[in-house]
Amino acid sequence: MSVVVVRYQTKADRADENQALIEKVFGELNADGPDGLRYASFRLADGVSFVHVASVETADGTNPLNASPAFAEFQREISDRVEDGPVASGATVVGSYRFWPGEPGTPAH
C-alpha cells in the first residue's frame, strides 16, 4: 500500500472554487468506482487549507486518480489557486480507527 498526504493553502478568493473541483473528483470516483484507491480530502477550519490523503493498492502500483478527467481538471490550474504548496509526502499508516473501509469496527454501508 502506498499512502500520500498532500497539503496546501489556497488563495482566499479561490478556496470555494478549489472545493468545487474536489467535489467533482469525488462525484466521478463515486460514479466510476475504481478499484485500489482510497481517497479523502479535507478543508481545514481556516477555510483555505486543504489536506488530501490517498492510499493506492493496485497490482501494478498505478494511481487510478491519474486516469480521472475530473482530477486532471482539478490539477490543471492548481498553481494559480494556491498561496502555499502543494506539498506532497509519502506516509505510513501507524494506526486508524474506522478510517478505511473494511477495517474492524467500521460500520457496513
PDB file of N, CA and C in Angstrom:
ATOM      1  N   MET A   1       0.851  -1.178   0.000  1.00  0.00           N
ATOM      2  CA  MET A   1       0.000   0.000   0.000  1.00  0.00           C
ATOM      3  C   MET A   1       0.893   1.236   0.000  1.00  0.00           C
ATOM      4  N   SER A   2       0.572   2.153  -0.864  1.00  0.00           N
ATOM      5  CA  SER A   2       1.273   3.429  -0.957  1.00  0.00           C
ATOM      6  C   SER A   2       0.333   4.524  -0.466  1.00  0.00           C
ATOM      7  N   VAL A   3       0.783   5.310   0.501  1.00  0.00           N
ATOM      8  CA  VAL A   3      -0.037   6.397   1.037  1.00  0.00           C
ATOM      9  C   VAL A   3       0.673   7.717   0.791  1.00  0.00           C
ATOM     10  N   VAL A   4      -0.089   8.682   0.288  1.00  0.00           N
ATOM     11  CA  VAL A   4       0.444  10.023   0.045  1.00  0.00           C
ATOM     12  C   VAL A   4      -0.472  11.033   0.725  1.00  0.00           C
ATOM     13  N   VAL A   5       0.134  12.003   1.392  1.00  0.00           N
ATOM     14  CA  VAL A   5      -0.589  13.099   2.016  1.00  0.00           C
ATOM     15  C   VAL A   5      -0.139  14.381   1.321  1.00  0.00           C
ATOM     16  N   VAL A   6      -1.111  15.166   0.857  1.00  0.00           N
ATOM     17  CA  VAL A   6      -0.812  16.429   0.181  1.00  0.00           C
ATOM     18  C   VAL A   6      -1.507  17.546   0.953  1.00  0.00           C
ATOM     19  N   ARG A   7      -0.775  18.614   1.203  1.00  0.00           N
ATOM     20  CA  ARG A   7      -1.367  19.755   1.902  1.00  0.00           C
ATOM     21  C   ARG A   7      -0.988  21.030   1.175  1.00  0.00           C
ATOM     22  N   TYR A   8      -1.896  21.999   1.235  1.00  0.00           N
ATOM     23  CA  TYR A   8      -1.667  23.281   0.589  1.00  0.00           C
ATOM     24  C   TYR A   8      -2.673  24.286   1.110  1.00  0.00           C
ATOM     25  N   GLN A   9      -2.397  25.535   0.810  1.00  0.00           N
ATOM     26  CA  GLN A   9      -3.286  26.627   1.199  1.00  0.00           C
ATOM     27  C   GLN A   9      -3.663  27.391  -0.069  1.00  0.00           C
ATOM     28  N   THR A  10      -4.953  27.560  -0.298  1.00  0.00           N
ATOM     29  CA  THR A  10      -5.409  28.295  -1.478  1.00  0.00           C
ATOM     30  C   THR A  10      -5.449  29.787  -1.198  1.00  0.00           C
ATOM     31  N   LYS A  11      -5.536  30.552  -2.257  1.00  0.00           N
ATOM     32  CA  LYS A  11      -5.825  31.978  -2.119  1.00  0.00           C
ATOM     33  C   LYS A  11      -7.253  32.076  -1.599  1.00  0.00           C
ATOM     34  N   ALA A  12      -7.507  33.060  -0.744  1.00  0.00           N
ATOM     35  CA  ALA A  12      -8.814  33.169  -0.088  1.00  0.00           C
ATOM     36  C   ALA A  12      -9.960  33.221  -1.085  1.00  0.00           C
ATOM     37  N   ASP A  13      -9.770  33.925  -2.187  1.00  0.00           N
ATOM     38  CA  ASP A  13     -10.856  34.062  -3.158  1.00  0.00           C
ATOM     39  C   ASP A  13     -10.994  32.856  -4.098  1.00  0.00           C
ATOM     40  N   ARG A  14     -10.146  31.831  -3.927  1.00  0.00           N
ATOM     41  CA  ARG A  14     -10.198  30.656  -4.793  1.00  0.00           C
ATOM     42  C   ARG A  14     -10.544  29.379  -4.023  1.00  0.00           C
ATOM     43  N   ALA A  15     -10.738  29.485  -2.706  1.00  0.00           N
ATOM     44  CA  ALA A  15     -10.982  28.295  -1.886  1.00  0.00           C
ATOM     45  C   ALA A  15     -12.282  27.584  -2.264  1.00  0.00           C
ATOM     46  N   ASP A  16     -13.352  28.323  -2.485  1.00  0.00           N
ATOM     47  CA  ASP A  16     -14.625  27.694  -2.853  1.00  0.00           C
ATOM     48  C   ASP A  16     -14.533  27.016  -4.215  1.00  0.00           C
ATOM     49  N   GLU A  17     -13.839  27.649  -5.141  1.00  0.00           N
ATOM     50  CA  GLU A  17     -13.619  27.044  -6.460  1.00  0.00           C
ATOM     51  C   GLU A  17     -12.841  25.738  -6.318  1.00  0.00           C
ATOM     52  N   ASN A  18     -11.805  25.757  -5.487  1.00  0.00           N
ATOM     53  CA  ASN A  18     -10.998  24.566  -5.241  1.00  0.00           C
ATOM     54  C   ASN A  18     -11.862  23.445  -4.685  1.00  0.00           C
ATOM     55  N   GLN A  19     -12.705  23.770  -3.713  1.00  0.00           N
ATOM     56  CA  GLN A  19     -13.589  22.762  -3.132  1.00  0.00           C
ATOM     57  C   GLN A  19     -14.537  22.194  -4.187  1.00  0.00           C
ATOM     58  N   ALA A  20     -15.075  23.045  -5.036  1.00  0.00           N
ATOM     59  CA  ALA A  20     -15.991  22.579  -6.082  1.00  0.00           C
ATOM     60  C   ALA A  20     -15.289  21.610  -7.033  1.00  0.00           C
ATOM     61  N   LEU A  21     -14.042  21.886  -7.376  1.00  0.00           N
ATOM     62  CA  LEU A  21     -13.286  20.977  -8.239  1.00  0.00           C
ATOM     63  C   LEU A  21     -13.034  19.635  -7.542  1.00  0.00           C
ATOM     64  N   ILE A  22     -12.740  19.680  -6.251  1.00  0.00           N
ATOM     65  CA  ILE A  22     -12.551  18.443  -5.490  1.00  0.00           C
ATOM     66  C   ILE A  22     -13.847  17.641  -5.462  1.00  0.00           C
ATOM     67  N   GLU A  23     -14.959  18.305  -5.254  1.00  0.00           N
ATOM     68  CA  GLU A  23     -16.254  17.618  -5.220  1.00  0.00           C
ATOM     69  C   GLU A  23     -16.543  16.925  -6.547  1.00  0.00           C
ATOM     70  N   LYS A  24     -16.117  17.524  -7.659  1.00  0.00           N
ATOM     71  CA  LYS A  24     -16.291  16.877  -8.966  1.00  0.00           C
ATOM     72  C   LYS A  24     -15.456  15.601  -9.064  1.00  0.00           C
ATOM     73  N   VAL A  25     -14.260  15.628  -8.487  1.00  0.00           N
ATOM     74  CA  VAL A  25     -13.423  14.424  -8.469  1.00  0.00           C
ATOM     75  C   VAL A  25     -14.146  13.307  -7.729  1.00  0.00           C
ATOM     76  N   PHE A  26     -14.691  13.623  -6.559  1.00  0.00           N
ATOM     77  CA  PHE A  26     -15.385  12.595  -5.789  1.00  0.00           C
ATOM     78  C   PHE A  26     -16.661  12.126  -6.484  1.00  0.00           C
ATOM     79  N   GLY A  27     -17.342  13.023  -7.180  1.00  0.00           N
ATOM     80  CA  GLY A  27     -18.509  12.620  -7.953  1.00  0.00           C
ATOM     81  C   GLY A  27     -18.136  11.611  -9.019  1.00  0.00           C
ATOM     82  N   GLU A  28     -17.039  11.883  -9.712  1.00  0.00           N
ATOM     83  CA  GLU A  28     -16.567  10.957 -10.743  1.00  0.00           C
ATOM     84  C   GLU A  28     -16.129   9.632 -10.134  1.00  0.00           C
ATOM     85  N   LEU A  29     -15.380   9.691  -9.030  1.00  0.00           N
ATOM     86  CA  LEU A  29     -14.930   8.453  -8.377  1.00  0.00           C
ATOM     87  C   LEU A  29     -16.122   7.618  -7.921  1.00  0.00           C
ATOM     88  N   ASN A  30     -17.127   8.263  -7.356  1.00  0.00           N
ATOM     89  CA  ASN A  30     -18.316   7.534  -6.909  1.00  0.00           C
ATOM     90  C   ASN A  30     -19.054   6.907  -8.081  1.00  0.00           C
ATOM     91  N   ALA A  31     -19.058   7.561  -9.228  1.00  0.00           N
ATOM     92  CA  ALA A  31     -19.734   7.018 -10.410  1.00  0.00           C
ATOM     93  C   ALA A  31     -18.937   5.876 -11.040  1.00  0.00           C
ATOM     94  N   ASP A  32     -17.611   6.028 -11.088  1.00  0.00           N
ATOM     95  CA  ASP A  32     -16.768   5.043 -11.775  1.00  0.00           C
ATOM     96  C   ASP A  32     -16.311   3.899 -10.875  1.00  0.00           C
ATOM     97  N   GLY A  33     -16.153   4.164  -9.580  1.00  0.00           N
ATOM     98  CA  GLY A  33     -15.751   3.134  -8.618  1.00  0.00           C
ATOM     99  C   GLY A  33     -14.445   2.430  -8.923  1.00  0.00           C
ATOM    100  N   PRO A  34     -13.344   3.179  -9.154  1.00  0.00           N
ATOM    101  CA  PRO A  34     -12.084   2.488  -9.461  1.00  0.00           C
ATOM    102  C   PRO A  34     -11.585   1.665  -8.270  1.00  0.00           C
ATOM    103  N   ASP A  35     -11.080   0.488  -8.571  1.00  0.00           N
ATOM    104  CA  ASP A  35     -10.519  -0.384  -7.539  1.00  0.00           C
ATOM    105  C   ASP A  35      -9.127   0.100  -7.147  1.00  0.00           C
ATOM    106  N   GLY A  36      -8.728  -0.241  -5.938  1.00  0.00           N
ATOM    107  CA  GLY A  36      -7.366   0.007  -5.490  1.00  0.00           C
ATOM    108  C   GLY A  36      -7.083   1.409  -5.005  1.00  0.00           C
ATOM    109  N   LEU A  37      -8.122   2.215  -4.817  1.00  0.00           N
ATOM    110  CA  LEU A  37      -7.911   3.593  -4.375  1.00  0.00           C
ATOM    111  C   LEU A  37      -8.792   3.892  -3.172  1.00  0.00           C
ATOM    112  N   ARG A  38      -8.187   4.466  -2.174  1.00  0.00           N
ATOM    113  CA  ARG A  38      -8.907   5.063  -1.044  1.00  0.00           C
ATOM    114  C   ARG A  38      -8.438   6.506  -0.996  1.00  0.00           C
ATOM    115  N   TYR A  39      -9.400   7.424  -0.913  1.00  0.00           N
ATOM    116  CA  TYR A  39      -9.043   8.834  -1.079  1.00  0.00           C
ATOM    117  C   TYR A  39      -9.965   9.680  -0.222  1.00  0.00           C
ATOM    118  N   ALA A  40      -9.380  10.632   0.470  1.00  0.00           N
ATOM    119  CA  ALA A  40     -10.159  11.563   1.280  1.00  0.00           C
ATOM    120  C   ALA A  40      -9.549  12.948   1.124  1.00  0.00           C
ATOM    121  N   SER A  41     -10.406  13.942   1.208  1.00  0.00           N
ATOM    122  CA  SER A  41      -9.952  15.326   1.132  1.00  0.00           C
ATOM    123  C   SER A  41     -10.626  16.113   2.246  1.00  0.00           C
ATOM    124  N   PHE A  42      -9.881  17.008   2.837  1.00  0.00           N
ATOM    125  CA  PHE A  42     -10.375  17.788   3.968  1.00  0.00           C
ATOM    126  C   PHE A  42     -10.101  19.265   3.728  1.00  0.00           C
ATOM    127  N   ARG A  43     -11.101  20.094   4.018  1.00  0.00           N
ATOM    128  CA  ARG A  43     -10.909  21.541   4.052  1.00  0.00           C
ATOM    129  C   ARG A  43     -10.811  21.907   5.525  1.00  0.00           C
ATOM    130  N   LEU A  44      -9.714  22.527   5.895  1.00  0.00           N
ATOM    131  CA  LEU A  44      -9.468  22.803   7.306  1.00  0.00           C
ATOM    132  C   LEU A  44     -10.261  24.015   7.777  1.00  0.00           C
ATOM    133  N   ALA A  45     -10.308  24.190   9.083  1.00  0.00           N
ATOM    134  CA  ALA A  45     -11.140  25.211   9.716  1.00  0.00           C
ATOM    135  C   ALA A  45     -10.796  26.636   9.288  1.00  0.00           C
ATOM    136  N   ASP A  46      -9.572  26.876   8.837  1.00  0.00           N
ATOM    137  CA  ASP A  46      -9.227  28.229   8.397  1.00  0.00           C
ATOM    138  C   ASP A  46      -9.892  28.596   7.066  1.00  0.00           C
ATOM    139  N   GLY A  47     -10.494  27.602   6.406  1.00  0.00           N
ATOM    140  CA  GLY A  47     -11.232  27.829   5.176  1.00  0.00           C
ATOM    141  C   GLY A  47     -10.409  27.850   3.907  1.00  0.00           C
ATOM    142  N   VAL A  48      -9.095  27.905   4.027  1.00  0.00           N
ATOM    143  CA  VAL A  48      -8.238  27.978   2.843  1.00  0.00           C
ATOM    144  C   VAL A  48      -7.223  26.853   2.741  1.00  0.00           C
ATOM    145  N   SER A  49      -7.060  26.086   3.803  1.00  0.00           N
ATOM    146  CA  SER A  49      -6.105  24.981   3.797  1.00  0.00           C
ATOM    147  C   SER A  49      -6.827  23.680   3.486  1.00  0.00           C
ATOM    148  N   PHE A  50      -6.167  22.850   2.677  1.00  0.00           N
ATOM    149  CA  PHE A  50      -6.723  21.566   2.272  1.00  0.00           C
ATOM    150  C   PHE A  50      -5.692  20.477   2.512  1.00  0.00           C
ATOM    151  N   VAL A  51      -6.181  19.298   2.849  1.00  0.00           N
ATOM    152  CA  VAL A  51      -5.344  18.118   3.003  1.00  0.00           C
ATOM    153  C   VAL A  51      -6.019  16.985   2.239  1.00  0.00           C
ATOM    154  N   HIS A  52      -5.233  16.281   1.439  1.00  0.00           N
ATOM    155  CA  HIS A  52      -5.719  15.114   0.706  1.00  0.00           C
ATOM    156  C   HIS A  52      -4.908  13.909   1.174  1.00  0.00           C
ATOM    157  N   VAL A  53      -5.584  12.784   1.362  1.00  0.00           N
ATOM    158  CA  VAL A  53      -4.921  11.546   1.730  1.00  0.00           C
ATOM    159  C   VAL A  53      -5.354  10.488   0.721  1.00  0.00           C
ATOM    160  N   ALA A  54      -4.381   9.891   0.054  1.00  0.00           N
ATOM    161  CA  ALA A  54      -4.672   8.855  -0.937  1.00  0.00           C
ATOM    162  C   ALA A  54      -3.887   7.599  -0.602  1.00  0.00           C
ATOM    163  N   SER A  55      -4.572   6.475  -0.678  1.00  0.00           N
ATOM    164  CA  SER A  55      -3.946   5.177  -0.494  1.00  0.00           C
ATOM    165  C   SER A  55      -4.178   4.387  -1.779  1.00  0.00           C
ATOM    166  N   VAL A  56      -3.094   3.929  -2.385  1.00  0.00           N
ATOM    167  CA  VAL A  56      -3.180   3.181  -3.636  1.00  0.00           C
ATOM    168  C   VAL A  56      -2.759   1.746  -3.372  1.00  0.00           C
ATOM    169  N   GLU A  57      -3.619   0.826  -3.763  1.00  0.00           N
ATOM    170  CA  GLU A  57      -3.357  -0.602  -3.569  1.00  0.00           C
ATOM    171  C   GLU A  57      -3.670  -1.366  -4.862  1.00  0.00           C
ATOM    172  N   THR A  58      -3.100  -0.916  -5.972  1.00  0.00           N
ATOM    173  CA  THR A  58      -3.311  -1.598  -7.242  1.00  0.00           C
ATOM    174  C   THR A  58      -2.171  -2.580  -7.481  1.00  0.00           C
ATOM    175  N   ALA A  59      -2.426  -3.610  -8.276  1.00  0.00           N
ATOM    176  CA  ALA A  59      -1.424  -4.640  -8.538  1.00  0.00           C
ATOM    177  C   ALA A  59      -0.167  -4.061  -9.179  1.00  0.00           C
ATOM    178  N   ASP A  60      -0.333  -3.089 -10.074  1.00  0.00           N
ATOM    179  CA  ASP A  60       0.822  -2.513 -10.759  1.00  0.00           C
ATOM    180  C   ASP A  60       1.308  -1.202 -10.140  1.00  0.00           C
ATOM    181  N   GLY A  61       0.647  -0.758  -9.059  1.00  0.00           N
ATOM    182  CA  GLY A  61       1.070   0.449  -8.360  1.00  0.00           C
ATOM    183  C   GLY A  61       0.618   1.745  -8.994  1.00  0.00           C
ATOM    184  N   THR A  62      -0.173   1.667 -10.074  1.00  0.00           N
ATOM    185  CA  THR A  62      -0.640   2.900 -10.703  1.00  0.00           C
ATOM    186  C   THR A  62      -1.768   3.515  -9.889  1.00  0.00           C
ATOM    187  N   ASN A  63      -1.802   4.817  -9.881  1.00  0.00           N
ATOM    188  CA  ASN A  63      -2.816   5.543  -9.131  1.00  0.00           C
ATOM    189  C   ASN A  63      -4.022   5.800 -10.037  1.00  0.00           C
ATOM    190  N   PRO A  64      -5.204   5.260  -9.706  1.00  0.00           N
ATOM    191  CA  PRO A  64      -6.392   5.489 -10.531  1.00  0.00           C
ATOM    192  C   PRO A  64      -6.749   6.966 -10.705  1.00  0.00           C
ATOM    193  N   LEU A  65      -6.309   7.824  -9.812  1.00  0.00           N
ATOM    194  CA  LEU A  65      -6.575   9.256  -9.970  1.00  0.00           C
ATOM    195  C   LEU A  65      -5.950   9.808 -11.245  1.00  0.00           C
ATOM    196  N   ASN A  66      -4.843   9.223 -11.668  1.00  0.00           N
ATOM    197  CA  ASN A  66      -4.165   9.714 -12.864  1.00  0.00           C
ATOM    198  C   ASN A  66      -4.972   9.487 -14.138  1.00  0.00           C
ATOM    199  N   ALA A  67      -5.982   8.621 -14.092  1.00  0.00           N
ATOM    200  CA  ALA A  67      -6.853   8.373 -15.248  1.00  0.00           C
ATOM    201  C   ALA A  67      -8.157   9.166 -15.155  1.00  0.00           C
ATOM    202  N   SER A  68      -8.297   9.988 -14.146  1.00  0.00           N
ATOM    203  CA  SER A  68      -9.536  10.718 -13.899  1.00  0.00           C
ATOM    204  C   SER A  68      -9.534  12.071 -14.599  1.00  0.00           C
ATOM    205  N   PRO A  69     -10.486  12.307 -15.533  1.00  0.00           N
ATOM    206  CA  PRO A  69     -10.586  13.627 -16.147  1.00  0.00           C
ATOM    207  C   PRO A  69     -10.887  14.735 -15.125  1.00  0.00           C
ATOM    208  N   ALA A  70     -11.702  14.434 -14.124  1.00  0.00           N
ATOM    209  CA  ALA A  70     -12.019  15.445 -13.104  1.00  0.00           C
ATOM    210  C   ALA A  70     -10.780  15.787 -12.280  1.00  0.00           C
ATOM    211  N   PHE A  71      -9.943  14.800 -11.996  1.00  0.00           N
ATOM    212  CA  PHE A  71      -8.710  15.059 -11.248  1.00  0.00           C
ATOM    213  C   PHE A  71      -7.739  15.870 -12.106  1.00  0.00           C
ATOM    214  N   ALA A  72      -7.687  15.580 -13.400  1.00  0.00           N
ATOM    215  CA  ALA A  72      -6.845  16.373 -14.302  1.00  0.00           C
ATOM    216  C   ALA A  72      -7.308  17.826 -14.322  1.00  0.00           C
ATOM    217  N   GLU A  73      -8.623  18.038 -14.333  1.00  0.00           N
ATOM    218  CA  GLU A  73      -9.167  19.398 -14.308  1.00  0.00           C
ATOM    219  C   GLU A  73      -8.828  20.082 -12.980  1.00  0.00           C
ATOM    220  N   PHE A  74      -8.916  19.352 -11.877  1.00  0.00           N
ATOM    221  CA  PHE A  74      -8.551  19.891 -10.564  1.00  0.00           C
ATOM    222  C   PHE A  74      -7.089  20.342 -10.557  1.00  0.00           C
ATOM    223  N   GLN A  75      -6.218  19.552 -11.151  1.00  0.00           N
ATOM    224  CA  GLN A  75      -4.789  19.861 -11.147  1.00  0.00           C
ATOM    225  C   GLN A  75      -4.397  20.932 -12.153  1.00  0.00           C
ATOM    226  N   ARG A  76      -5.216  21.130 -13.177  1.00  0.00           N
ATOM    227  CA  ARG A  76      -4.840  21.959 -14.323  1.00  0.00           C
ATOM    228  C   ARG A  76      -4.320  23.342 -13.933  1.00  0.00           C
ATOM    229  N   GLU A  77      -4.987  24.057 -13.091  1.00  0.00           N
ATOM    230  CA  GLU A  77      -4.549  25.412 -12.722  1.00  0.00           C
ATOM    231  C   GLU A  77      -4.305  25.537 -11.218  1.00  0.00           C
ATOM    232  N   ILE A  78      -3.858  24.441 -10.618  1.00  0.00           N
ATOM    233  CA  ILE A  78      -3.660  24.458  -9.161  1.00  0.00           C
ATOM    234  C   ILE A  78      -2.669  25.547  -8.756  1.00  0.00           C
ATOM    235  N   SER A  79      -1.640  25.781  -9.557  1.00  0.00           N
ATOM    236  CA  SER A  79      -0.640  26.798  -9.173  1.00  0.00           C
ATOM    237  C   SER A  79      -1.246  28.199  -9.135  1.00  0.00           C
ATOM    238  N   ASP A  80      -2.306  28.438  -9.890  1.00  0.00           N
ATOM    239  CA  ASP A  80      -2.978  29.738  -9.849  1.00  0.00           C
ATOM    240  C   ASP A  80      -3.893  29.878  -8.635  1.00  0.00           C
ATOM    241  N   ARG A  81      -4.360  28.752  -8.093  1.00  0.00           N
ATOM    242  CA  ARG A  81      -5.297  28.785  -6.962  1.00  0.00           C
ATOM    243  C   ARG A  81      -4.615  28.780  -5.609  1.00  0.00           C
ATOM    244  N   VAL A  82      -3.351  28.340  -5.543  1.00  0.00           N
ATOM    245  CA  VAL A  82      -2.718  28.167  -4.242  1.00  0.00           C
ATOM    246  C   VAL A  82      -1.855  29.356  -3.849  1.00  0.00           C
ATOM    247  N   GLU A  83      -1.816  29.564  -2.551  1.00  0.00           N
ATOM    248  CA  GLU A  83      -0.959  30.576  -1.923  1.00  0.00           C
ATOM    249  C   GLU A  83       0.326  29.916  -1.437  1.00  0.00           C
ATOM    250  N   ASP A  84       0.211  28.665  -0.964  1.00  0.00           N
ATOM    251  CA  ASP A  84       1.337  27.928  -0.396  1.00  0.00           C
ATOM    252  C   ASP A  84       1.182  26.454  -0.732  1.00  0.00           C
ATOM    253  N   GLY A  85       2.222  25.860  -1.318  1.00  0.00           N
ATOM    254  CA  GLY A  85       2.183  24.443  -1.647  1.00  0.00           C
ATOM    255  C   GLY A  85       1.792  24.234  -3.097  1.00  0.00           C
ATOM    256  N   PRO A  86       1.361  23.071  -3.445  1.00  0.00           N
ATOM    257  CA  PRO A  86       1.131  21.893  -2.613  1.00  0.00           C
ATOM    258  C   PRO A  86       2.425  21.179  -2.238  1.00  0.00           C
ATOM    259  N   VAL A  87       2.386  20.560  -1.072  1.00  0.00           N
ATOM    260  CA  VAL A  87       3.484  19.755  -0.573  1.00  0.00           C
ATOM    261  C   VAL A  87       2.963  18.340  -0.420  1.00  0.00           C
ATOM    262  N   ALA A  88       3.597  17.416  -1.127  1.00  0.00           N
ATOM    263  CA  ALA A  88       3.205  16.005  -1.050  1.00  0.00           C
ATOM    264  C   ALA A  88       4.287  15.230  -0.327  1.00  0.00           C
ATOM    265  N   SER A  89       3.860  14.277   0.487  1.00  0.00           N
ATOM    266  CA  SER A  89       4.831  13.409   1.142  1.00  0.00           C
ATOM    267  C   SER A  89       4.229  12.027   1.318  1.00  0.00           C
ATOM    268  N   GLY A  90       5.088  11.050   1.207  1.00  0.00           N
ATOM    269  CA  GLY A  90       4.669   9.684   1.488  1.00  0.00           C
ATOM    270  C   GLY A  90       4.368   9.564   2.963  1.00  0.00           C
ATOM    271  N   ALA A  91       3.573   8.584   3.310  1.00  0.00           N
ATOM    272  CA  ALA A  91       3.200   8.401   4.711  1.00  0.00           C
ATOM    273  C   ALA A  91       3.046   6.923   5.000  1.00  0.00           C
ATOM    274  N   THR A  92       3.209   6.588   6.251  1.00  0.00           N
ATOM    275  CA  THR A  92       2.993   5.233   6.728  1.00  0.00           C
ATOM    276  C   THR A  92       1.852   5.271   7.732  1.00  0.00           C
ATOM    277  N   VAL A  93       0.867   4.415   7.535  1.00  0.00           N
ATOM    278  CA  VAL A  93      -0.255   4.348   8.467  1.00  0.00           C
ATOM    279  C   VAL A  93       0.249   3.703   9.750  1.00  0.00           C
ATOM    280  N   VAL A  94       0.172   4.441  10.821  1.00  0.00           N
ATOM    281  CA  VAL A  94       0.579   3.949  12.123  1.00  0.00           C
ATOM    282  C   VAL A  94      -0.600   3.287  12.821  1.00  0.00           C
ATOM    283  N   GLY A  95      -1.755   3.851  12.633  1.00  0.00           N
ATOM    284  CA  GLY A  95      -2.986   3.315  13.201  1.00  0.00           C
ATOM    285  C   GLY A  95      -4.151   4.118  12.685  1.00  0.00           C
ATOM    286  N   SER A  96      -5.312   3.533  12.736  1.00  0.00           N
ATOM    287  CA  SER A  96      -6.521   4.240  12.346  1.00  0.00           C
ATOM    288  C   SER A  96      -7.703   3.563  13.019  1.00  0.00           C
ATOM    289  N   TYR A  97      -8.775   4.287  13.112  1.00  0.00           N
ATOM    290  CA  TYR A  97      -9.996   3.748  13.685  1.00  0.00           C
ATOM    291  C   TYR A  97     -11.144   4.103  12.755  1.00  0.00           C
ATOM    292  N   ARG A  98     -11.701   3.113  12.108  1.00  0.00           N
ATOM    293  CA  ARG A  98     -12.837   3.273  11.201  1.00  0.00           C
ATOM    294  C   ARG A  98     -12.572   4.242  10.056  1.00  0.00           C
ATOM    295  N   PHE A  99     -11.307   4.436   9.700  1.00  0.00           N
ATOM    296  CA  PHE A  99     -10.979   5.368   8.637  1.00  0.00           C
ATOM    297  C   PHE A  99     -11.034   4.707   7.267  1.00  0.00           C
ATOM    298  N   TRP A 100     -10.566   3.472   7.198  1.00  0.00           N
ATOM    299  CA  TRP A 100     -10.518   2.751   5.933  1.00  0.00           C
ATOM    300  C   TRP A 100     -11.677   1.758   5.865  1.00  0.00           C
ATOM    301  N   PRO A 101     -12.348   1.661   4.715  1.00  0.00           N
ATOM    302  CA  PRO A 101     -13.438   0.677   4.564  1.00  0.00           C
ATOM    303  C   PRO A 101     -12.930  -0.738   4.846  1.00  0.00           C
ATOM    304  N   GLY A 102     -13.771  -1.532   5.487  1.00  0.00           N
ATOM    305  CA  GLY A 102     -13.407  -2.906   5.789  1.00  0.00           C
ATOM    306  C   GLY A 102     -12.570  -3.070   7.039  1.00  0.00           C
ATOM    307  N   GLU A 103     -12.187  -1.970   7.647  1.00  0.00           N
ATOM    308  CA  GLU A 103     -11.383  -2.014   8.854  1.00  0.00           C
ATOM    309  C   GLU A 103     -12.260  -2.489  10.017  1.00  0.00           C
ATOM    310  N   PRO A 104     -11.735  -3.285  10.924  1.00  0.00           N
ATOM    311  CA  PRO A 104     -12.539  -3.720  12.072  1.00  0.00           C
ATOM    312  C   PRO A 104     -13.171  -2.514  12.763  1.00  0.00           C
ATOM    313  N   GLY A 105     -14.438  -2.637  13.069  1.00  0.00           N
ATOM    314  CA  GLY A 105     -15.163  -1.578  13.745  1.00  0.00           C
ATOM    315  C   GLY A 105     -15.829  -0.603  12.791  1.00  0.00           C
ATOM    316  N   THR A 106     -15.547  -0.736  11.476  1.00  0.00           N
ATOM    317  CA  THR A 106     -16.161   0.157  10.504  1.00  0.00           C
ATOM    318  C   THR A 106     -17.564  -0.342  10.187  1.00  0.00           C
ATOM    319  N   PRO A 107     -18.566   0.519  10.343  1.00  0.00           N
ATOM    320  CA  PRO A 107     -19.926   0.084  10.037  1.00  0.00           C
ATOM    321  C   PRO A 107     -20.093  -0.221   8.548  1.00  0.00           C
ATOM    322  N   ALA A 108     -20.915  -1.195   8.240  1.00  0.00           N
ATOM    323  CA  ALA A 108     -21.236  -1.521   6.839  1.00  0.00           C
ATOM    324  C   ALA A 108     -22.126  -0.431   6.272  1.00  0.00           C
ATOM    325  N   HIS A 109     -21.956  -0.153   4.984  1.00  0.00           N
ATOM    326  CA  HIS A 109     -22.781   0.874   4.319  1.00  0.00           C
ATOM    327  C   HIS A 109     -23.914   0.236   3.577  1.00  0.00           C
TER     328      HIS A 109
END
